[in-house]
């Protein structure tokens, strides 16, 4: 695998919304610095729900984006889903909490699945897209930065599966709506889960 694109966003107001968002991301040329908060210069407007050390980097796999391009009937340039990184040959369905991506000196640890929201639906131009995205069971990948450094498109990526009990991101999403599956919730709490997602399960 390798990094196909590194994307960064600026604060913009999307059509139909009254607040600014950094979801509009575009590929950058040359190396960028990645620190504990993510890609330096990437704009996060709502830090209550986005960003922070547990959701510093957002990844989409190229195979998943190809699937969505076919579903939507249009090309999806890098950054369309608000992702920071597009990784070649990656299918989001094969990723679990605690898995790691290694690119050069950089180490990223998977912490949570993406939960689609109204901003994402507005970005795609379909009010029903958040539900459609959730039902597809191919959630995007949030990561914390274990080791930062410089990163550029073309960097080779190694995949390191989580050493504990692996829970795929689609399973983690299902756990939110299934309060009776205490066994799954217990397994999730034993993984390096993002604090926001952990709080959702605890409520």
Protein backbone atom coordinates (compact mmCIF):
# COMPACT_ATOMS: atom_id res chain seq x y z
CA UNK A 1 0.00 0.00 0.00
CA UNK A 2 0.99 3.63 -0.35
CA UNK A 3 -0.34 7.11 0.31
CA UNK A 4 -2.18 8.27 -2.82
CA UNK A 5 -3.01 11.74 -1.49
CA UNK A 6 -2.45 13.97 1.52
CA UNK A 7 -5.29 16.48 1.91
CA UNK A 8 -5.77 19.63 3.93
CA UNK A 9 -8.79 21.90 4.38
CA UNK A 10 -9.66 25.55 4.96
CA UNK A 11 -12.66 27.01 6.79
CA UNK A 12 -15.61 27.43 4.41
CA UNK A 13 -19.39 27.73 4.66
CA UNK A 14 -21.14 25.04 2.63
CA UNK A 15 -24.32 25.70 0.67
CA UNK A 16 -27.35 25.35 2.93
CA UNK A 17 -25.37 25.68 6.16
CA UNK A 18 -24.80 28.69 8.41
CA UNK A 19 -21.55 27.60 10.02
CA UNK A 20 -18.04 27.12 8.74
CA UNK A 21 -16.43 23.70 8.27
CA UNK A 22 -13.04 22.37 7.27
CA UNK A 23 -14.54 19.38 5.44
CA UNK A 24 -13.56 20.78 2.03
CA UNK A 25 -10.11 19.26 1.65
CA UNK A 26 -7.77 19.26 -1.34
CA UNK A 27 -4.52 17.41 -2.04
CA UNK A 28 -1.30 19.20 -1.22
CA UNK A 29 1.94 18.89 -3.13
CA UNK A 30 5.14 18.02 -1.33
CA UNK A 31 5.63 16.85 2.25
CA UNK A 32 3.52 18.12 5.15
CA UNK A 33 4.20 17.98 8.87
CA UNK A 34 2.06 15.62 10.95
CA UNK A 35 1.95 16.19 14.71
CA UNK A 36 -0.28 15.01 17.55
CA UNK A 37 -3.15 17.22 16.32
CA UNK A 38 -2.93 15.92 12.74
CA UNK A 39 -1.77 17.61 9.54
CA UNK A 40 -0.32 21.00 10.35
CA UNK A 41 -2.44 23.70 8.70
CA UNK A 42 -5.57 21.55 8.38
CA UNK A 43 -8.54 23.59 9.65
CA UNK A 44 -10.86 22.10 12.27
CA UNK A 45 -13.80 24.40 12.96
CA UNK A 46 -15.88 22.39 15.45
CA UNK A 47 -13.52 20.87 17.98
CA UNK A 48 -16.36 19.59 20.13
CA UNK A 49 -17.07 16.88 17.56
CA UNK A 50 -13.98 16.83 15.33
CA UNK A 51 -10.23 16.75 15.63
CA UNK A 52 -8.18 16.37 18.78
CA UNK A 53 -5.52 13.81 19.54
CA UNK A 54 -7.91 10.83 19.27
CA UNK A 55 -9.23 11.88 15.84
CA UNK A 56 -6.20 13.66 14.46
CA UNK A 57 -6.10 12.00 11.04
CA UNK A 58 -9.02 10.81 8.92
CA UNK A 59 -8.35 8.07 6.33
CA UNK A 60 -10.32 6.65 3.41
CA UNK A 61 -9.18 3.56 1.52
CA UNK A 62 -8.95 3.83 -2.27
CA UNK A 63 -11.01 0.65 -2.71
CA UNK A 64 -13.79 2.11 -0.58
CA UNK A 65 -13.73 5.40 -2.50
CA UNK A 66 -13.85 3.47 -5.78
CA UNK A 67 -16.94 1.64 -4.48
CA UNK A 68 -18.60 4.93 -3.56
CA UNK A 69 -17.72 6.48 -6.92
CA UNK A 70 -19.59 3.65 -8.62
CA UNK A 71 -22.52 3.95 -6.19
CA UNK A 72 -22.78 7.72 -6.70
CA UNK A 73 -22.09 7.59 -10.42
CA UNK A 74 -19.39 10.24 -10.37
CA UNK A 75 -15.67 10.53 -9.71
CA UNK A 76 -14.54 11.31 -6.18
CA UNK A 77 -11.36 13.40 -6.22
CA UNK A 78 -9.12 13.01 -3.18
CA UNK A 79 -10.57 14.96 -0.25
CA UNK A 80 -14.23 14.66 -1.33
CA UNK A 81 -15.20 12.86 1.88
CA UNK A 82 -13.12 15.24 3.98
CA UNK A 83 -10.31 12.73 4.35
CA UNK A 84 -6.73 13.68 5.19
CA UNK A 85 -5.22 10.58 3.60
CA UNK A 86 -6.19 8.25 0.77
CA UNK A 87 -4.41 4.91 1.03
CA UNK A 88 -4.05 2.81 -2.10
CA UNK A 89 -5.41 -0.74 -1.98
CA UNK A 90 -7.19 -0.28 1.35
CA UNK A 91 -10.75 -1.44 1.97
CA UNK A 92 -12.27 0.23 5.04
CA UNK A 93 -14.16 -2.96 5.86
CA UNK A 94 -10.90 -4.69 6.79
CA UNK A 95 -9.84 -2.15 9.43
CA UNK A 96 -10.35 -2.55 13.17
CA UNK A 97 -9.86 -0.40 16.25
CA UNK A 98 -6.22 -0.55 17.31
CA UNK A 99 -4.79 -1.38 13.87
CA UNK A 100 -1.80 0.74 12.87
CA UNK A 101 -0.56 2.33 9.65
CA UNK A 102 3.17 2.96 9.33
CA UNK A 103 4.47 5.39 6.69
CA UNK A 104 8.13 6.33 6.97
CA UNK A 105 8.62 7.58 10.53
CA UNK A 106 4.89 8.15 11.03
CA UNK A 107 2.76 5.74 13.06
CA UNK A 108 -1.03 6.12 13.10
CA UNK A 109 -3.33 4.10 15.36
CA UNK A 110 -7.00 3.51 14.47
CA UNK A 111 -9.30 4.83 17.19
CA UNK A 112 -12.86 5.07 15.83
CA UNK A 113 -15.16 4.83 12.82
CA UNK A 114 -16.64 7.90 11.20
CA UNK A 115 -20.19 8.71 12.27
CA UNK A 116 -21.73 10.63 9.32
CA UNK A 117 -23.36 13.99 10.03
CA UNK A 118 -25.36 16.77 8.38
CA UNK A 119 -22.17 18.56 7.31
CA UNK A 120 -21.03 15.46 5.42
CA UNK A 121 -24.45 15.17 3.75
CA UNK A 122 -24.26 18.85 2.73
CA UNK A 123 -20.79 18.31 1.31
CA UNK A 124 -22.08 15.46 -0.88
CA UNK A 125 -25.22 17.41 -1.77
CA UNK A 126 -27.71 14.81 -0.54
CA UNK A 127 -29.68 15.32 2.72
CA UNK A 128 -30.13 11.55 3.02
CA UNK A 129 -26.47 10.70 2.50
CA UNK A 130 -25.58 10.36 6.19
CA UNK A 131 -27.99 7.44 6.52
CA UNK A 132 -26.87 5.96 3.22
CA UNK A 133 -23.24 6.13 4.32
CA UNK A 134 -24.04 4.44 7.64
CA UNK A 135 -26.00 1.63 5.98
CA UNK A 136 -23.12 0.91 3.59
CA UNK A 137 -21.06 -0.34 6.58
CA UNK A 138 -17.80 1.04 5.16
CA UNK A 139 -17.02 3.71 7.76
CA UNK A 140 -14.07 6.02 7.41
CA UNK A 141 -11.09 5.64 9.70
CA UNK A 142 -10.07 8.02 12.49
CA UNK A 143 -6.55 7.72 13.88
CA UNK A 144 -4.36 9.16 16.60
CA UNK A 145 -0.75 10.02 15.81
CA UNK A 146 1.61 7.80 17.78
CA UNK A 147 4.70 9.16 16.02
CA UNK A 148 4.66 12.28 13.85
CA UNK A 149 6.93 13.56 11.12
CA UNK A 150 6.88 14.53 7.46
CA UNK A 151 4.46 12.82 5.09
CA UNK A 152 3.90 13.08 1.34
CA UNK A 153 1.92 11.31 -1.36
CA UNK A 154 3.77 8.27 -2.65
CA UNK A 155 5.01 7.13 0.78
CA UNK A 156 4.78 3.37 1.25
CA UNK A 157 2.38 2.24 3.98
CA UNK A 158 2.68 -0.87 6.15
CA UNK A 159 -0.37 -2.26 7.92
CA UNK A 160 -0.04 -3.66 11.45
CA UNK A 161 -3.15 -5.45 12.79
CA UNK A 162 -4.14 -4.86 16.41
CA UNK A 163 -2.60 -7.42 18.74
CA UNK A 164 -5.69 -7.79 20.91
CA UNK A 165 -9.26 -8.75 20.06
CA UNK A 166 -9.95 -7.15 16.67
CA UNK A 167 -13.27 -5.35 16.26
CA UNK A 168 -13.93 -4.05 12.76
CA UNK A 169 -15.08 -0.45 12.49
CA UNK A 170 -18.47 -1.47 11.09
CA UNK A 171 -18.98 -3.63 14.21
CA UNK A 172 -18.05 -0.69 16.41
CA UNK A 173 -20.74 1.44 14.72
CA UNK A 174 -23.34 -1.30 15.28
CA UNK A 175 -22.51 -1.34 18.98
CA UNK A 176 -23.88 2.21 19.36
CA UNK A 177 -27.40 1.09 18.50
CA UNK A 178 -27.25 -2.26 20.29
CA UNK A 179 -27.24 -1.51 24.00
CA UNK A 180 -27.93 -5.14 24.90
CA UNK A 181 -24.67 -6.46 23.45
CA UNK A 182 -22.65 -5.90 26.60
CA UNK A 183 -19.99 -8.37 25.46
CA UNK A 184 -19.21 -6.25 22.41
CA UNK A 185 -19.12 -3.07 24.47
CA UNK A 186 -16.71 -4.70 26.94
CA UNK A 187 -14.44 -5.79 24.09
CA UNK A 188 -14.49 -2.28 22.64
CA UNK A 189 -13.58 -0.73 25.99
CA UNK A 190 -10.47 -2.92 26.00
CA UNK A 191 -9.25 -1.36 22.73
CA UNK A 192 -7.53 2.04 22.24
CA UNK A 193 -10.91 3.62 21.43
CA UNK A 194 -11.30 7.37 20.88
CA UNK A 195 -12.67 9.15 23.95
CA UNK A 196 -15.67 10.61 22.06
CA UNK A 197 -16.71 7.19 20.80
CA UNK A 198 -16.20 5.68 24.23
CA UNK A 199 -18.47 8.37 25.70
CA UNK A 200 -21.16 7.56 23.10
CA UNK A 201 -21.13 3.92 24.21
CA UNK A 202 -21.22 4.85 27.89
CA UNK A 203 -24.25 7.13 27.57
